[in-house]
PDB file of all heavy atoms in Angstrom:
ATOM      1  N   VAL A   1      19.722   6.586  57.332  1.00  0.00           N
ATOM      2  CA  VAL A   1      19.799   5.174  57.703  1.00  0.00           C
ATOM      3  C   VAL A   1      20.998   4.524  57.026  1.00  0.00           C
ATOM      4  O   VAL A   1      21.414   4.914  55.941  1.00  0.00           O
ATOM      5  CB  VAL A   1      18.510   4.395  57.338  1.00  0.00           C
ATOM      6  CG1 VAL A   1      17.317   4.941  58.081  1.00  0.00           C
ATOM      7  CG2 VAL A   1      18.249   4.414  55.854  1.00  0.00           C
ATOM      8  N   ASP A   2      21.556   3.539  57.702  1.00  0.00           N
ATOM      9  CA  ASP A   2      22.636   2.714  57.158  1.00  0.00           C
ATOM     10  C   ASP A   2      21.979   1.485  56.539  1.00  0.00           C
ATOM     11  O   ASP A   2      21.216   0.784  57.196  1.00  0.00           O
ATOM     12  CB  ASP A   2      23.570   2.322  58.296  1.00  0.00           C
ATOM     13  CG  ASP A   2      24.764   1.494  57.854  1.00  0.00           C
ATOM     14  OD1 ASP A   2      24.787   1.028  56.698  1.00  0.00           O
ATOM     15  OD2 ASP A   2      25.677   1.311  58.673  1.00  0.00           O
ATOM     16  N   THR A   3      22.268   1.233  55.248  1.00  0.00           N
ATOM     17  CA  THR A   3      21.666   0.090  54.560  1.00  0.00           C
ATOM     18  C   THR A   3      22.713  -0.960  54.186  1.00  0.00           C
ATOM     19  O   THR A   3      22.460  -1.801  53.333  1.00  0.00           O
ATOM     20  CB  THR A   3      20.924   0.536  53.284  1.00  0.00           C
ATOM     21  OG1 THR A   3      21.868   1.081  52.365  1.00  0.00           O
ATOM     22  CG2 THR A   3      19.838   1.536  53.597  1.00  0.00           C
ATOM     23  N   GLY A   4      23.878  -0.898  54.802  1.00  0.00           N
ATOM     24  CA  GLY A   4      24.932  -1.854  54.487  1.00  0.00           C
ATOM     25  C   GLY A   4      26.044  -1.190  53.722  1.00  0.00           C
ATOM     26  O   GLY A   4      26.995  -0.709  54.309  1.00  0.00           O
ATOM     27  N   ARG A   5      25.928  -1.110  52.417  1.00  0.00           N
ATOM     28  CA  ARG A   5      26.962  -0.475  51.595  1.00  0.00           C
ATOM     29  C   ARG A   5      26.745   1.017  51.435  1.00  0.00           C
ATOM     30  O   ARG A   5      27.659   1.728  51.031  1.00  0.00           O
ATOM     31  CB  ARG A   5      26.998  -1.107  50.208  1.00  0.00           C
ATOM     32  CG  ARG A   5      27.598  -2.482  50.206  1.00  0.00           C
ATOM     33  CD  ARG A   5      27.761  -3.041  48.828  1.00  0.00           C
ATOM     34  NE  ARG A   5      28.398  -2.077  47.920  1.00  0.00           N
ATOM     35  CZ  ARG A   5      28.258  -2.107  46.609  1.00  0.00           C
ATOM     36  NH1 ARG A   5      27.508  -3.018  46.032  1.00  0.00           N
ATOM     37  NH2 ARG A   5      28.868  -1.217  45.856  1.00  0.00           N
ATOM     38  N   PHE A   6      25.543   1.491  51.715  1.00  0.00           N
ATOM     39  CA  PHE A   6      25.222   2.895  51.492  1.00  0.00           C
ATOM     40  C   PHE A   6      24.467   3.474  52.679  1.00  0.00           C
ATOM     41  O   PHE A   6      23.810   2.760  53.430  1.00  0.00           O
ATOM     42  CB  PHE A   6      24.334   3.056  50.249  1.00  0.00           C
ATOM     43  CG  PHE A   6      25.012   2.698  48.971  1.00  0.00           C
ATOM     44  CD1 PHE A   6      24.946   1.409  48.477  1.00  0.00           C
ATOM     45  CD2 PHE A   6      25.718   3.647  48.260  1.00  0.00           C
ATOM     46  CE1 PHE A   6      25.576   1.064  47.299  1.00  0.00           C
ATOM     47  CE2 PHE A   6      26.357   3.319  47.074  1.00  0.00           C
ATOM     48  CZ  PHE A   6      26.284   2.026  46.593  1.00  0.00           C
ATOM     49  N   PHE A   7      24.562   4.805  52.806  1.00  0.00           N
ATOM     50  CA  PHE A   7      23.680   5.561  53.683  1.00  0.00           C
ATOM     51  C   PHE A   7      22.587   6.132  52.796  1.00  0.00           C
ATOM     52  O   PHE A   7      22.872   6.626  51.701  1.00  0.00           O
ATOM     53  CB  PHE A   7      24.415   6.719  54.359  1.00  0.00           C
ATOM     54  CG  PHE A   7      25.420   6.282  55.370  1.00  0.00           C
ATOM     55  CD1 PHE A   7      26.760   6.235  55.045  1.00  0.00           C
ATOM     56  CD2 PHE A   7      25.035   5.913  56.636  1.00  0.00           C
ATOM     57  CE1 PHE A   7      27.698   5.835  55.967  1.00  0.00           C
ATOM     58  CE2 PHE A   7      25.958   5.505  57.578  1.00  0.00           C
ATOM     59  CZ  PHE A   7      27.297   5.465  57.234  1.00  0.00           C
ATOM     60  N   ALA A   8      21.359   6.067  53.245  1.00  0.00           N
ATOM     61  CA  ALA A   8      20.236   6.679  52.537  1.00  0.00           C
ATOM     62  C   ALA A   8      19.742   7.842  53.393  1.00  0.00           C
ATOM     63  O   ALA A   8      19.540   7.687  54.599  1.00  0.00           O
ATOM     64  CB  ALA A   8      19.121   5.672  52.309  1.00  0.00           C
ATOM     65  N   VAL A   9      19.576   9.000  52.767  1.00  0.00           N
ATOM     66  CA  VAL A   9      19.138  10.203  53.461  1.00  0.00           C
ATOM     67  C   VAL A   9      17.826  10.661  52.843  1.00  0.00           C
ATOM     68  O   VAL A   9      17.754  10.905  51.641  1.00  0.00           O
ATOM     69  CB  VAL A   9      20.185  11.329  53.356  1.00  0.00           C
ATOM     70  CG1 VAL A   9      19.740  12.552  54.142  1.00  0.00           C
ATOM     71  CG2 VAL A   9      21.551  10.843  53.831  1.00  0.00           C
ATOM     72  N   LEU A  10      16.803  10.760  53.656  1.00  0.00           N
ATOM     73  CA  LEU A  10      15.515  11.296  53.211  1.00  0.00           C
ATOM     74  C   LEU A  10      15.407  12.708  53.759  1.00  0.00           C
ATOM     75  O   LEU A  10      15.544  12.911  54.973  1.00  0.00           O
ATOM     76  CB  LEU A  10      14.350  10.455  53.723  1.00  0.00           C
ATOM     77  CG  LEU A  10      14.112   9.125  53.008  1.00  0.00           C
ATOM     78  CD1 LEU A  10      15.138   8.098  53.437  1.00  0.00           C
ATOM     79  CD2 LEU A  10      12.735   8.623  53.266  1.00  0.00           C
ATOM     80  N   LEU A  11      15.168  13.672  52.887  1.00  0.00           N
ATOM     81  CA  LEU A  11      15.046  15.070  53.273  1.00  0.00           C
ATOM     82  C   LEU A  11      13.631  15.540  52.974  1.00  0.00           C
ATOM     83  O   LEU A  11      13.043  15.152  51.963  1.00  0.00           O
ATOM     84  CB  LEU A  11      16.045  15.924  52.492  1.00  0.00           C
ATOM     85  CG  LEU A  11      17.514  15.546  52.670  1.00  0.00           C
ATOM     86  CD1 LEU A  11      18.370  16.223  51.611  1.00  0.00           C
ATOM     87  CD2 LEU A  11      17.991  15.910  54.050  1.00  0.00           C
ATOM     88  N   GLY A  12      13.077  16.371  53.864  1.00  0.00           N
ATOM     89  CA  GLY A  12      11.726  16.865  53.634  1.00  0.00           C
ATOM     90  C   GLY A  12      11.211  17.662  54.803  1.00  0.00           C
ATOM     91  O   GLY A  12      11.976  18.269  55.546  1.00  0.00           O
ATOM     92  N   GLN A  13       9.908  17.620  54.981  1.00  0.00           N
ATOM     93  CA  GLN A  13       9.250  18.357  56.055  1.00  0.00           C
ATOM     94  C   GLN A  13       8.292  17.439  56.795  1.00  0.00           C
ATOM     95  O   GLN A  13       7.582  16.650  56.173  1.00  0.00           O
ATOM     96  CB  GLN A  13       8.478  19.540  55.485  1.00  0.00           C
ATOM     97  CG  GLN A  13       9.339  20.549  54.780  1.00  0.00           C
ATOM     98  CD  GLN A  13       8.510  21.625  54.091  1.00  0.00           C
ATOM     99  OE1 GLN A  13       7.281  21.534  54.013  1.00  0.00           O
ATOM    100  NE2 GLN A  13       9.169  22.641  53.589  1.00  0.00           N
ATOM    101  N   GLY A  14       8.284  17.546  58.113  1.00  0.00           N
ATOM    102  CA  GLY A  14       7.364  16.761  58.925  1.00  0.00           C
ATOM    103  C   GLY A  14       7.594  15.262  58.823  1.00  0.00           C
ATOM    104  O   GLY A  14       6.640  14.490  58.896  1.00  0.00           O
ATOM    105  N   LEU A  15       8.849  14.845  58.658  1.00  0.00           N
ATOM    106  CA  LEU A  15       9.148  13.419  58.517  1.00  0.00           C
ATOM    107  C   LEU A  15       9.053  12.703  59.858  1.00  0.00           C
ATOM    108  O   LEU A  15       9.481  13.227  60.888  1.00  0.00           O
ATOM    109  CB  LEU A  15      10.556  13.226  57.938  1.00  0.00           C
ATOM    110  CG  LEU A  15      10.820  13.840  56.574  1.00  0.00           C
ATOM    111  CD1 LEU A  15      12.275  13.597  56.157  1.00  0.00           C
ATOM    112  CD2 LEU A  15       9.862  13.293  55.534  1.00  0.00           C
ATOM    113  N   SER A  16       8.498  11.522  59.841  1.00  0.00           N
ATOM    114  CA  SER A  16       8.444  10.692  61.047  1.00  0.00           C
ATOM    115  C   SER A  16       8.460   9.222  60.638  1.00  0.00           C
ATOM    116  O   SER A  16       8.025   8.867  59.542  1.00  0.00           O
ATOM    117  CB  SER A  16       7.198  10.993  61.884  1.00  0.00           C
ATOM    118  OG  SER A  16       6.031  10.648  61.175  1.00  0.00           O
ATOM    119  N   ILE A  17       8.967   8.398  61.528  1.00  0.00           N
ATOM    120  CA  ILE A  17       9.005   6.959  61.293  1.00  0.00           C
ATOM    121  C   ILE A  17       7.748   6.363  61.912  1.00  0.00           C
ATOM    122  O   ILE A  17       7.548   6.449  63.117  1.00  0.00           O
ATOM    123  CB  ILE A  17      10.269   6.326  61.897  1.00  0.00           C
ATOM    124  CG1 ILE A  17      11.508   6.920  61.233  1.00  0.00           C
ATOM    125  CG2 ILE A  17      10.241   4.806  61.745  1.00  0.00           C
ATOM    126  CD1 ILE A  17      12.815   6.499  61.870  1.00  0.00           C
ATOM    127  N   ASP A  18       6.900   5.792  61.081  1.00  0.00           N
ATOM    128  CA  ASP A  18       5.657   5.203  61.564  1.00  0.00           C
ATOM    129  C   ASP A  18       5.841   3.758  62.002  1.00  0.00           C
ATOM    130  O   ASP A  18       5.152   3.280  62.897  1.00  0.00           O
ATOM    131  CB  ASP A  18       4.576   5.266  60.485  1.00  0.00           C
ATOM    132  CG  ASP A  18       4.151   6.693  60.189  1.00  0.00           C
ATOM    133  OD1 ASP A  18       4.407   7.587  61.017  1.00  0.00           O
ATOM    134  OD2 ASP A  18       3.572   6.922  59.111  1.00  0.00           O
ATOM    135  N   ARG A  19       6.770   3.055  61.346  1.00  0.00           N
ATOM    136  CA  ARG A  19       6.976   1.644  61.673  1.00  0.00           C
ATOM    137  C   ARG A  19       8.400   1.257  61.285  1.00  0.00           C
ATOM    138  O   ARG A  19       8.901   1.664  60.249  1.00  0.00           O
ATOM    139  CB  ARG A  19       5.979   0.780  60.927  1.00  0.00           C
ATOM    140  CG  ARG A  19       6.156  -0.703  61.169  1.00  0.00           C
ATOM    141  CD  ARG A  19       5.088  -1.486  60.508  1.00  0.00           C
ATOM    142  NE  ARG A  19       3.932  -1.456  61.406  1.00  0.00           N
ATOM    143  CZ  ARG A  19       2.753  -1.925  61.105  1.00  0.00           C
ATOM    144  NH1 ARG A  19       2.531  -2.446  59.925  1.00  0.00           N
ATOM    145  NH2 ARG A  19       1.761  -1.890  61.965  1.00  0.00           N
ATOM    146  N   LEU A  20       9.044   0.441  62.117  1.00  0.00           N
ATOM    147  CA  LEU A  20      10.377  -0.071  61.837  1.00  0.00           C
ATOM    148  C   LEU A  20      10.420  -1.516  62.307  1.00  0.00           C
ATOM    149  O   LEU A  20      10.296  -1.788  63.494  1.00  0.00           O
ATOM    150  CB  LEU A  20      11.442   0.754  62.559  1.00  0.00           C
ATOM    151  CG  LEU A  20      12.882   0.305  62.417  1.00  0.00           C
ATOM    152  CD1 LEU A  20      13.335   0.377  60.966  1.00  0.00           C
ATOM    153  CD2 LEU A  20      13.790   1.163  63.290  1.00  0.00           C
ATOM    154  N   GLU A  21      10.553  -2.435  61.344  1.00  0.00           N
ATOM    155  CA  GLU A  21      10.604  -3.848  61.696  1.00  0.00           C
ATOM    156  C   GLU A  21      11.256  -4.642  60.574  1.00  0.00           C
ATOM    157  O   GLU A  21      11.073  -4.339  59.395  1.00  0.00           O
ATOM    158  CB  GLU A  21       9.213  -4.402  61.996  1.00  0.00           C
ATOM    159  CG  GLU A  21       8.236  -4.280  60.866  1.00  0.00           C
ATOM    160  CD  GLU A  21       6.826  -4.697  61.242  1.00  0.00           C
ATOM    161  OE1 GLU A  21       6.406  -4.456  62.395  1.00  0.00           O
ATOM    162  OE2 GLU A  21       6.153  -5.264  60.380  1.00  0.00           O
ATOM    163  N   GLU A  22      12.040  -5.631  60.936  1.00  0.00           N
ATOM    164  CA  GLU A  22      12.667  -6.561  59.993  1.00  0.00           C
ATOM    165  C   GLU A  22      13.307  -5.867  58.799  1.00  0.00           C
ATOM    166  O   GLU A  22      13.031  -6.185  57.654  1.00  0.00           O
ATOM    167  CB  GLU A  22      11.649  -7.608  59.539  1.00  0.00           C
ATOM    168  CG  GLU A  22      11.147  -8.459  60.681  1.00  0.00           C
ATOM    169  CD  GLU A  22      10.166  -9.521  60.223  1.00  0.00           C
ATOM    170  OE1 GLU A  22      10.117  -9.809  59.016  1.00  0.00           O
ATOM    171  OE2 GLU A  22       9.462 -10.067  61.084  1.00  0.00           O
ATOM    172  N   GLU A  23      14.166  -4.892  59.067  1.00  0.00           N
ATOM    173  CA  GLU A  23      14.927  -4.163  58.051  1.00  0.00           C
ATOM    174  C   GLU A  23      14.059  -3.358  57.088  1.00  0.00           C
ATOM    175  O   GLU A  23      14.482  -2.999  56.001  1.00  0.00           O
ATOM    176  CB  GLU A  23      15.874  -5.092  57.280  1.00  0.00           C
ATOM    177  CG  GLU A  23      16.947  -5.688  58.150  1.00  0.00           C
ATOM    178  CD  GLU A  23      18.016  -6.419  57.364  1.00  0.00           C
ATOM    179  OE1 GLU A  23      17.926  -6.501  56.129  1.00  0.00           O
ATOM    180  OE2 GLU A  23      18.956  -6.903  57.996  1.00  0.00           O
ATOM    181  N   ARG A  24      12.849  -3.037  57.483  1.00  0.00           N
ATOM    182  CA  ARG A  24      11.951  -2.214  56.673  1.00  0.00           C
ATOM    183  C   ARG A  24      11.417  -1.074  57.534  1.00  0.00           C
ATOM    184  O   ARG A  24      11.033  -1.279  58.684  1.00  0.00           O
ATOM    185  CB  ARG A  24      10.796  -3.040  56.140  1.00  0.00           C
ATOM    186  CG  ARG A  24       9.782  -2.220  55.363  1.00  0.00           C
ATOM    187  CD  ARG A  24       8.789  -3.071  54.679  1.00  0.00           C
ATOM    188  NE  ARG A  24       9.407  -3.511  53.432  1.00  0.00           N
ATOM    189  CZ  ARG A  24       8.786  -4.214  52.509  1.00  0.00           C
ATOM    190  NH1 ARG A  24       7.548  -4.578  52.683  1.00  0.00           N
ATOM    191  NH2 ARG A  24       9.397  -4.566  51.399  1.00  0.00           N
ATOM    192  N   MET A  25      11.378   0.122  56.950  1.00  0.00           N
ATOM    193  CA  MET A  25      10.946   1.300  57.682  1.00  0.00           C
ATOM    194  C   MET A  25       9.880   2.022  56.868  1.00  0.00           C
ATOM    195  O   MET A  25      10.024   2.210  55.658  1.00  0.00           O
ATOM    196  CB  MET A  25      12.161   2.219  57.888  1.00  0.00           C
ATOM    197  CG  MET A  25      11.868   3.509  58.580  1.00  0.00           C
ATOM    198  SD  MET A  25      13.379   4.458  58.925  1.00  0.00           S
ATOM    199  CE  MET A  25      13.865   4.938  57.275  1.00  0.00           C
ATOM    200  N   LEU A  26       8.814   2.428  57.532  1.00  0.00           N
ATOM    201  CA  LEU A  26       7.737   3.192  56.916  1.00  0.00           C
ATOM    202  C   LEU A  26       7.844   4.633  57.413  1.00  0.00           C
ATOM    203  O   LEU A  26       7.827   4.875  58.625  1.00  0.00           O
ATOM    204  CB  LEU A  26       6.379   2.597  57.292  1.00  0.00           C
ATOM    205  CG  LEU A  26       5.149   3.281  56.739  1.00  0.00           C
ATOM    206  CD1 LEU A  26       5.116   3.157  55.219  1.00  0.00           C
ATOM    207  CD2 LEU A  26       3.894   2.680  57.342  1.00  0.00           C
ATOM    208  N   VAL A  27       7.994   5.566  56.478  1.00  0.00           N
ATOM    209  CA  VAL A  27       8.186   6.981  56.798  1.00  0.00           C
ATOM    210  C   VAL A  27       6.997   7.769  56.260  1.00  0.00           C
ATOM    211  O   VAL A  27       6.529   7.519  55.147  1.00  0.00           O
ATOM    212  CB  VAL A  27       9.488   7.510  56.151  1.00  0.00           C
ATOM    213  CG1 VAL A  27       9.650   9.001  56.395  1.00  0.00           C
ATOM    214  CG2 VAL A  27      10.691   6.749  56.677  1.00  0.00           C
ATOM    215  N   SER A  28       6.520   8.731  57.059  1.00  0.00           N
ATOM    216  CA  SER A  28       5.471   9.621  56.566  1.00  0.00           C
ATOM    217  C   SER A  28       5.968  11.057  56.638  1.00  0.00           C
ATOM    218  O   SER A  28       6.890  11.371  57.385  1.00  0.00           O
ATOM    219  CB  SER A  28       4.173   9.447  57.368  1.00  0.00           C
ATOM    220  OG  SER A  28       4.378   9.827  58.702  1.00  0.00           O
ATOM    221  N   GLY A  29       5.352  11.913  55.855  1.00  0.00           N
ATOM    222  CA  GLY A  29       5.730  13.316  55.782  1.00  0.00           C
ATOM    223  C   GLY A  29       5.950  13.706  54.336  1.00  0.00           C
ATOM    224  O   GLY A  29       5.752  12.915  53.413  1.00  0.00           O
ATOM    225  N   LYS A  30       6.383  14.936  54.127  1.00  0.00           N
ATOM    226  CA  LYS A  30       6.633  15.445  52.774  1.00  0.00           C
ATOM    227  C   LYS A  30       8.084  15.136  52.402  1.00  0.00           C
ATOM    228  O   LYS A  30       9.007  15.848  52.800  1.00  0.00           O
ATOM    229  CB  LYS A  30       6.362  16.941  52.720  1.00  0.00           C
ATOM    230  CG  LYS A  30       6.483  17.525  51.334  1.00  0.00           C
ATOM    231  CD  LYS A  30       6.109  18.997  51.333  1.00  0.00           C
ATOM    232  CE  LYS A  30       6.201  19.538  49.909  1.00  0.00           C
ATOM    233  NZ  LYS A  30       5.895  20.973  49.912  1.00  0.00           N
ATOM    234  N   ILE A  31       8.302  14.054  51.644  1.00  0.00           N
ATOM    235  CA  ILE A  31       9.642  13.658  51.223  1.00  0.00           C
ATOM    236  C   ILE A  31       9.979  14.447  49.960  1.00  0.00           C
ATOM    237  O   ILE A  31       9.335  14.285  48.923  1.00  0.00           O
ATOM    238  CB  ILE A  31       9.724  12.142  50.963  1.00  0.00           C
ATOM    239  CG1 ILE A  31       9.386  11.379  52.252  1.00  0.00           C
ATOM    240  CG2 ILE A  31      11.104  11.755  50.444  1.00  0.00           C
ATOM    241  CD1 ILE A  31       9.207   9.884  52.056  1.00  0.00           C
ATOM    242  N   GLN A  32      10.988  15.318  50.058  1.00  0.00           N
ATOM    243  CA  GLN A  32      11.339  16.201  48.952  1.00  0.00           C
ATOM    244  C   GLN A  32      12.588  15.755  48.199  1.00  0.00           C
ATOM    245  O   GLN A  32      12.760  16.101  47.034  1.00  0.00           O
ATOM    246  CB  GLN A  32      11.548  17.622  49.479  1.00  0.00           C
ATOM    247  CG  GLN A  32      10.281  18.201  50.076  1.00  0.00           C
ATOM    248  CD  GLN A  32      10.535  19.498  50.791  1.00  0.00           C
ATOM    249  OE1 GLN A  32      11.444  19.600  51.602  1.00  0.00           O
ATOM    250  NE2 GLN A  32       9.725  20.501  50.497  1.00  0.00           N
ATOM    251  N   GLN A  33      13.456  15.014  48.878  1.00  0.00           N
ATOM    252  CA  GLN A  33      14.719  14.640  48.251  1.00  0.00           C
ATOM    253  C   GLN A  33      15.253  13.366  48.902  1.00  0.00           C
ATOM    254  O   GLN A  33      15.067  13.151  50.098  1.00  0.00           O
ATOM    255  CB  GLN A  33      15.718  15.777  48.440  1.00  0.00           C
ATOM    256  CG  GLN A  33      17.018  15.618  47.728  1.00  0.00           C
ATOM    257  CD  GLN A  33      17.869  16.879  47.863  1.00  0.00           C
ATOM    258  OE1 GLN A  33      17.368  17.973  48.121  1.00  0.00           O
ATOM    259  NE2 GLN A  33      19.162  16.721  47.690  1.00  0.00           N
ATOM    260  N   ILE A  34      15.932  12.544  48.096  1.00  0.00           N
ATOM    261  CA  ILE A  34      16.582  11.336  48.598  1.00  0.00           C
ATOM    262  C   ILE A  34      18.023  11.360  48.116  1.00  0.00           C
ATOM    263  O   ILE A  34      18.282  11.614  46.934  1.00  0.00           O
ATOM    264  CB  ILE A  34      15.881  10.064  48.092  1.00  0.00           C
ATOM    265  CG1 ILE A  34      14.428  10.035  48.567  1.00  0.00           C
ATOM    266  CG2 ILE A  34      16.618   8.812  48.569  1.00  0.00           C
ATOM    267  CD1 ILE A  34      13.589   8.952  47.942  1.00  0.00           C
ATOM    268  N   GLU A  35      18.963  11.126  49.034  1.00  0.00           N
ATOM    269  CA  GLU A  35      20.383  11.112  48.692  1.00  0.00           C
ATOM    270  C   GLU A  35      20.985   9.793  49.149  1.00  0.00           C
ATOM    271  O   GLU A  35      20.535   9.199  50.133  1.00  0.00           O
ATOM    272  CB  GLU A  35      21.113  12.268  49.372  1.00  0.00           C
ATOM    273  CG  GLU A  35      20.611  13.633  48.960  1.00  0.00           C
ATOM    274  CD  GLU A  35      21.255  14.775  49.733  1.00  0.00           C
ATOM    275  OE1 GLU A  35      22.018  14.514  50.696  1.00  0.00           O
ATOM    276  OE2 GLU A  35      20.998  15.932  49.375  1.00  0.00           O
ATOM    277  N   PHE A  36      22.029   9.352  48.440  1.00  0.00           N
ATOM    278  CA  PHE A  36      22.743   8.138  48.799  1.00  0.00           C
ATOM    279  C   PHE A  36      24.227   8.452  48.921  1.00  0.00           C
ATOM    280  O   PHE A  36      24.777   9.183  48.097  1.00  0.00           O
ATOM    281  CB  PHE A  36      22.550   7.047  47.734  1.00  0.00           C
ATOM    282  CG  PHE A  36      21.123   6.651  47.541  1.00  0.00           C
ATOM    283  CD1 PHE A  36      20.383   7.164  46.494  1.00  0.00           C
ATOM    284  CD2 PHE A  36      20.503   5.778  48.425  1.00  0.00           C
ATOM    285  CE1 PHE A  36      19.066   6.804  46.310  1.00  0.00           C
ATOM    286  CE2 PHE A  36      19.181   5.418  48.255  1.00  0.00           C
ATOM    287  CZ  PHE A  36      18.464   5.934  47.194  1.00  0.00           C
ATOM    288  N   TYR A  37      24.859   7.908  49.947  1.00  0.00           N
ATOM    289  CA  TYR A  37      26.293   8.063  50.168  1.00  0.00           C
ATOM    290  C   TYR A  37      26.894   6.692  50.402  1.00  0.00           C
ATOM    291  O   TYR A  37      26.353   5.911  51.177  1.00  0.00           O
ATOM    292  CB  TYR A  37      26.558   8.966  51.378  1.00  0.00           C
ATOM    293  CG  TYR A  37      26.020  10.358  51.195  1.00  0.00           C
ATOM    294  CD1 TYR A  37      24.771  10.702  51.688  1.00  0.00           C
ATOM    295  CD2 TYR A  37      26.752  11.311  50.506  1.00  0.00           C
ATOM    296  CE1 TYR A  37      24.264  11.982  51.505  1.00  0.00           C
ATOM    297  CE2 TYR A  37      26.249  12.595  50.322  1.00  0.00           C
ATOM    298  CZ  TYR A  37      25.004  12.916  50.831  1.00  0.00           C
ATOM    299  OH  TYR A  37      24.502  14.179  50.636  1.00  0.00           O
ATOM    300  N   GLU A  38      28.005   6.436  49.749  1.00  0.00           N
ATOM    301  CA  GLU A  38      28.662   5.146  49.933  1.00  0.00           C
ATOM    302  C   GLU A  38      29.268   5.096  51.324  1.00  0.00           C
ATOM    303  O   GLU A  38      29.853   6.060  51.805  1.00  0.00           O
ATOM    304  CB  GLU A  38      29.745   4.938  48.877  1.00  0.00           C
ATOM    305  CG  GLU A  38      30.187   3.508  48.803  1.00  0.00           C
ATOM    306  CD  GLU A  38      30.946   3.200  47.532  1.00  0.00           C
ATOM    307  OE1 GLU A  38      31.111   4.093  46.694  1.00  0.00           O
ATOM    308  OE2 GLU A  38      31.363   2.049  47.402  1.00  0.00           O
TER     309      GLU A  38
END
């Protein structure tokens, strides 16, 4: 996802977006790693 100044990357297994509204996202699944890129 693009968050403005950074990209946020969620890595894992069985990831899915359950809800996306008003700049907020709810993700389910096995989140194993989070990375940020400018």
